[in-house]
């Protein structure tokens, strides 16, 4: 008998660990489909804004991380750590292309809109992650986001309205870091965990439902 399971995932668009976590979840779900085809999983994406005080125009990326981590050596070490984890997950993170650290209010509004349209949240999330981490695009810029919306077939009027009326995402209760994976509202796993950890959490949730 089919069993429906929901995974709520809390993400911030400028967090590379969220991109890595998304890839690892996709791998876990592929393995699940092969081993447990009766388990049907619905993934719901939720916005978290880690640094809401970022101005609308953003901050210079290099300056922000130098201030945040304290030294050029610390920045290089962190970026090397992220790149290694990204490579293991099969995704690219190109820090050299990123010029701005953006305010993500508008991007989250576009993601929420996509969830209500045929394109879907997953495809929009993929495109926004690619825009920022692989192309170095400013996802805090209205024109950039309108171009992304147009590329994915989001209705132009709806996209413009979503950006014009965007509000910062409301704080998520109990979420102190991202990515956060919540399985059927019962069990949670935090951080960019490897696929086997996420698959184990899914199976644990399924067993709890039995």
Foldseek 3Di string as FASTA:
>chain_A
DADEKEKEWEDELVDLQQVLLVLQQVVLVVVCCVVPVSYHYDYHYHYDFQCQPADLVFDFPVVVVCVVQVHPVSVVVVVVVSQVSQVVSPHAFDPVLAGGDHNCQLLVLLLVQQCVDPLHNVNSSVLSSCVCGPRNHHNSDLVVVLVSCVVSPNDNVVSVVSNVPTDHGDHDPPDDDDGKMQMRVPDIDHTSDGNVVVSVVNVVSVVVVD
